[in-house]
Amino acid sequence: MAFRNALDGAASFCAALTTSAICGLPAWFTVMAVRAEVAPVWAYGAAGAIGVVGLILTVAFLRKGLAGVAPTRQRRR
């Protein structure tokens, strides 16, 4: 049982890293594009929105990882 919970927690940590990469990199590149005057200023809003969504999901997956819950489940098996 404990080994399965450890694997579920590790899967949640991997999901947190993946989520931060999927949401963080486009947000960062969008900010860099606006600063380089390649993208319009309103793109800051889109970068902020995707950054906030990514932050919320990353924190949720980290909490699941600390609790030993799989990323697709609500509670331990």
N, C-alpha and C. Protein backbone atom coordinates (compact mmCIF):
# COMPACT_ATOMS: atom_id res chain seq x y z
N MET A 1 0.81 -1.20 0.00
CA MET A 1 0.00 0.00 0.00
C MET A 1 0.86 1.27 0.00
N ALA A 2 1.86 1.31 0.86
CA ALA A 2 2.68 2.51 0.97
C ALA A 2 3.49 2.74 -0.31
N PHE A 3 3.91 1.63 -0.95
CA PHE A 3 4.67 1.76 -2.18
C PHE A 3 3.81 2.35 -3.29
N ARG A 4 2.55 1.93 -3.35
CA ARG A 4 1.63 2.47 -4.35
C ARG A 4 1.38 3.95 -4.11
N ASN A 5 1.23 4.34 -2.85
CA ASN A 5 1.04 5.77 -2.53
C ASN A 5 2.27 6.59 -2.90
N ALA A 6 3.46 6.00 -2.71
CA ALA A 6 4.68 6.71 -3.08
C ALA A 6 4.75 6.88 -4.60
N LEU A 7 4.37 5.86 -5.35
CA LEU A 7 4.35 5.97 -6.80
C LEU A 7 3.31 6.98 -7.26
N ASP A 8 2.15 6.98 -6.61
CA ASP A 8 1.11 7.96 -6.96
C ASP A 8 1.59 9.37 -6.67
N GLY A 9 2.29 9.55 -5.55
CA GLY A 9 2.84 10.87 -5.23
C GLY A 9 3.89 11.31 -6.23
N ALA A 10 4.73 10.36 -6.66
CA ALA A 10 5.74 10.69 -7.66
C ALA A 10 5.09 11.07 -8.99
N ALA A 11 4.02 10.37 -9.33
CA ALA A 11 3.30 10.72 -10.56
C ALA A 11 2.71 12.13 -10.47
N SER A 12 2.22 12.50 -9.29
CA SER A 12 1.68 13.85 -9.11
C SER A 12 2.77 14.90 -9.20
N PHE A 13 3.95 14.60 -8.66
CA PHE A 13 5.07 15.54 -8.78
C PHE A 13 5.49 15.70 -10.24
N CYS A 14 5.50 14.60 -10.99
CA CYS A 14 5.81 14.69 -12.42
C CYS A 14 4.75 15.50 -13.15
N ALA A 15 3.49 15.34 -12.76
CA ALA A 15 2.42 16.13 -13.37
C ALA A 15 2.60 17.61 -13.05
N ALA A 16 3.06 17.92 -11.84
CA ALA A 16 3.30 19.32 -11.47
C ALA A 16 4.43 19.92 -12.31
N LEU A 17 5.50 19.17 -12.50
CA LEU A 17 6.61 19.67 -13.33
C LEU A 17 6.17 19.86 -14.78
N THR A 18 5.42 18.90 -15.29
CA THR A 18 4.94 18.99 -16.66
C THR A 18 4.01 20.19 -16.84
N THR A 19 3.11 20.38 -15.88
CA THR A 19 2.18 21.50 -15.95
C THR A 19 2.91 22.84 -15.91
N SER A 20 3.91 22.94 -15.03
CA SER A 20 4.64 24.20 -14.95
C SER A 20 5.40 24.48 -16.24
N ALA A 21 5.90 23.43 -16.89
CA ALA A 21 6.60 23.63 -18.17
C ALA A 21 5.63 24.00 -19.28
N ILE A 22 4.49 23.30 -19.32
CA ILE A 22 3.52 23.54 -20.39
C ILE A 22 2.93 24.94 -20.29
N CYS A 23 2.70 25.43 -19.09
CA CYS A 23 2.10 26.76 -18.92
C CYS A 23 3.15 27.85 -18.75
N GLY A 24 4.26 27.54 -18.10
CA GLY A 24 5.25 28.56 -17.81
C GLY A 24 6.05 29.02 -19.01
N LEU A 25 6.47 28.08 -19.83
CA LEU A 25 7.28 28.46 -20.99
C LEU A 25 6.54 29.35 -21.98
N PRO A 26 5.30 29.03 -22.38
CA PRO A 26 4.61 29.95 -23.29
C PRO A 26 4.36 31.33 -22.66
N ALA A 27 4.07 31.36 -21.36
CA ALA A 27 3.87 32.65 -20.71
C ALA A 27 5.16 33.46 -20.72
N TRP A 28 6.28 32.82 -20.43
CA TRP A 28 7.56 33.52 -20.42
C TRP A 28 7.92 34.03 -21.82
N PHE A 29 7.74 33.18 -22.83
CA PHE A 29 8.05 33.59 -24.20
C PHE A 29 7.13 34.72 -24.66
N THR A 30 5.89 34.72 -24.20
CA THR A 30 4.98 35.80 -24.56
C THR A 30 5.45 37.12 -23.95
N VAL A 31 5.86 37.08 -22.70
CA VAL A 31 6.38 38.29 -22.05
C VAL A 31 7.64 38.78 -22.78
N MET A 32 8.51 37.86 -23.15
CA MET A 32 9.72 38.26 -23.88
C MET A 32 9.37 38.85 -25.25
N ALA A 33 8.35 38.32 -25.90
CA ALA A 33 7.94 38.84 -27.21
C ALA A 33 7.36 40.25 -27.07
N VAL A 34 6.61 40.50 -26.01
CA VAL A 34 6.06 41.85 -25.80
C VAL A 34 7.19 42.82 -25.50
N ARG A 35 8.14 42.41 -24.69
CA ARG A 35 9.27 43.30 -24.37
C ARG A 35 10.11 43.61 -25.61
N ALA A 36 10.20 42.65 -26.53
CA ALA A 36 10.96 42.87 -27.77
C ALA A 36 10.12 43.58 -28.82
N GLU A 37 8.91 43.94 -28.46
CA GLU A 37 7.97 44.64 -29.34
C GLU A 37 7.62 43.82 -30.58
N VAL A 38 7.58 42.51 -30.42
CA VAL A 38 7.14 41.61 -31.48
C VAL A 38 5.65 41.33 -31.34
N ALA A 39 5.17 41.30 -30.10
CA ALA A 39 3.76 41.04 -29.82
C ALA A 39 3.14 42.31 -29.25
N PRO A 40 1.82 42.46 -29.39
CA PRO A 40 1.16 43.64 -28.84
C PRO A 40 1.12 43.61 -27.30
N VAL A 41 0.90 44.77 -26.72
CA VAL A 41 0.93 44.90 -25.26
C VAL A 41 -0.18 44.10 -24.59
N TRP A 42 -1.32 43.93 -25.28
CA TRP A 42 -2.42 43.18 -24.67
C TRP A 42 -2.07 41.71 -24.46
N ALA A 43 -0.98 41.24 -25.05
CA ALA A 43 -0.56 39.85 -24.86
C ALA A 43 -0.09 39.59 -23.43
N TYR A 44 0.24 40.67 -22.71
CA TYR A 44 0.55 40.50 -21.28
C TYR A 44 -0.62 39.85 -20.55
N GLY A 45 -1.84 40.22 -20.91
CA GLY A 45 -3.02 39.63 -20.28
C GLY A 45 -3.11 38.13 -20.52
N ALA A 46 -2.85 37.71 -21.75
CA ALA A 46 -2.87 36.28 -22.06
C ALA A 46 -1.76 35.55 -21.32
N ALA A 47 -0.59 36.16 -21.25
CA ALA A 47 0.52 35.54 -20.52
C ALA A 47 0.20 35.42 -19.04
N GLY A 48 -0.41 36.46 -18.49
CA GLY A 48 -0.79 36.41 -17.08
C GLY A 48 -1.85 35.35 -16.81
N ALA A 49 -2.82 35.24 -17.72
CA ALA A 49 -3.88 34.25 -17.54
C ALA A 49 -3.33 32.83 -17.58
N ILE A 50 -2.50 32.53 -18.56
CA ILE A 50 -1.94 31.18 -18.64
C ILE A 50 -0.99 30.92 -17.48
N GLY A 51 -0.31 31.95 -17.01
CA GLY A 51 0.56 31.79 -15.85
C GLY A 51 -0.22 31.49 -14.58
N VAL A 52 -1.35 32.16 -14.39
CA VAL A 52 -2.17 31.93 -13.20
C VAL A 52 -2.77 30.53 -13.24
N VAL A 53 -3.29 30.13 -14.38
CA VAL A 53 -3.86 28.78 -14.51
C VAL A 53 -2.79 27.73 -14.25
N GLY A 54 -1.60 27.93 -14.81
CA GLY A 54 -0.50 26.99 -14.58
C GLY A 54 -0.09 26.94 -13.12
N LEU A 55 -0.08 28.08 -12.46
CA LEU A 55 0.28 28.12 -11.04
C LEU A 55 -0.74 27.37 -10.20
N ILE A 56 -2.02 27.57 -10.47
CA ILE A 56 -3.07 26.88 -9.72
C ILE A 56 -2.96 25.37 -9.91
N LEU A 57 -2.79 24.93 -11.16
CA LEU A 57 -2.68 23.50 -11.41
C LEU A 57 -1.42 22.90 -10.81
N THR A 58 -0.31 23.63 -10.87
CA THR A 58 0.94 23.13 -10.30
C THR A 58 0.82 22.96 -8.80
N VAL A 59 0.24 23.93 -8.12
CA VAL A 59 0.06 23.83 -6.67
C VAL A 59 -0.88 22.66 -6.33
N ALA A 60 -1.93 22.47 -7.12
CA ALA A 60 -2.84 21.36 -6.86
C ALA A 60 -2.12 20.01 -7.00
N PHE A 61 -1.30 19.88 -8.04
CA PHE A 61 -0.56 18.63 -8.22
C PHE A 61 0.49 18.43 -7.14
N LEU A 62 1.12 19.51 -6.68
CA LEU A 62 2.09 19.40 -5.60
C LEU A 62 1.41 18.96 -4.30
N ARG A 63 0.22 19.48 -4.02
CA ARG A 63 -0.51 19.06 -2.83
C ARG A 63 -0.87 17.58 -2.92
N LYS A 64 -1.29 17.14 -4.11
CA LYS A 64 -1.60 15.72 -4.29
C LYS A 64 -0.33 14.88 -4.12
N GLY A 65 0.78 15.37 -4.62
CA GLY A 65 2.03 14.63 -4.48
C GLY A 65 2.44 14.46 -3.04
N LEU A 66 2.28 15.50 -2.24
CA LEU A 66 2.62 15.40 -0.82
C LEU A 66 1.68 14.47 -0.07
N ALA A 67 0.44 14.37 -0.53
CA ALA A 67 -0.54 13.48 0.12
C ALA A 67 -0.47 12.06 -0.41
N GLY A 68 0.29 11.81 -1.48
CA GLY A 68 0.39 10.48 -2.04
C GLY A 68 -0.81 10.09 -2.88
N VAL A 69 -1.43 11.07 -3.52
CA VAL A 69 -2.61 10.83 -4.34
C VAL A 69 -2.20 10.90 -5.80
N ALA A 70 -2.74 9.98 -6.60
CA ALA A 70 -2.45 9.98 -8.03
C ALA A 70 -3.04 11.23 -8.67
N PRO A 71 -2.46 11.71 -9.78
CA PRO A 71 -2.94 12.95 -10.40
C PRO A 71 -4.39 12.89 -10.89
N THR A 72 -4.87 11.70 -11.21
CA THR A 72 -6.22 11.57 -11.75
C THR A 72 -7.25 11.15 -10.72
N ARG A 73 -6.86 11.08 -9.47
CA ARG A 73 -7.77 10.64 -8.40
C ARG A 73 -8.04 11.76 -7.42
N GLN A 74 -9.11 11.61 -6.65
CA GLN A 74 -9.46 12.58 -5.62
C GLN A 74 -8.83 12.24 -4.28
N ARG A 75 -8.69 10.95 -3.98
CA ARG A 75 -8.10 10.53 -2.72
C ARG A 75 -7.28 9.27 -2.94
N ARG A 76 -6.60 8.85 -1.89
CA ARG A 76 -5.72 7.67 -1.97
C ARG A 76 -6.51 6.43 -2.36
N ARG A 77 -5.78 5.52 -2.98
CA ARG A 77 -6.39 4.21 -3.29
C ARG A 77 -6.34 3.33 -2.08
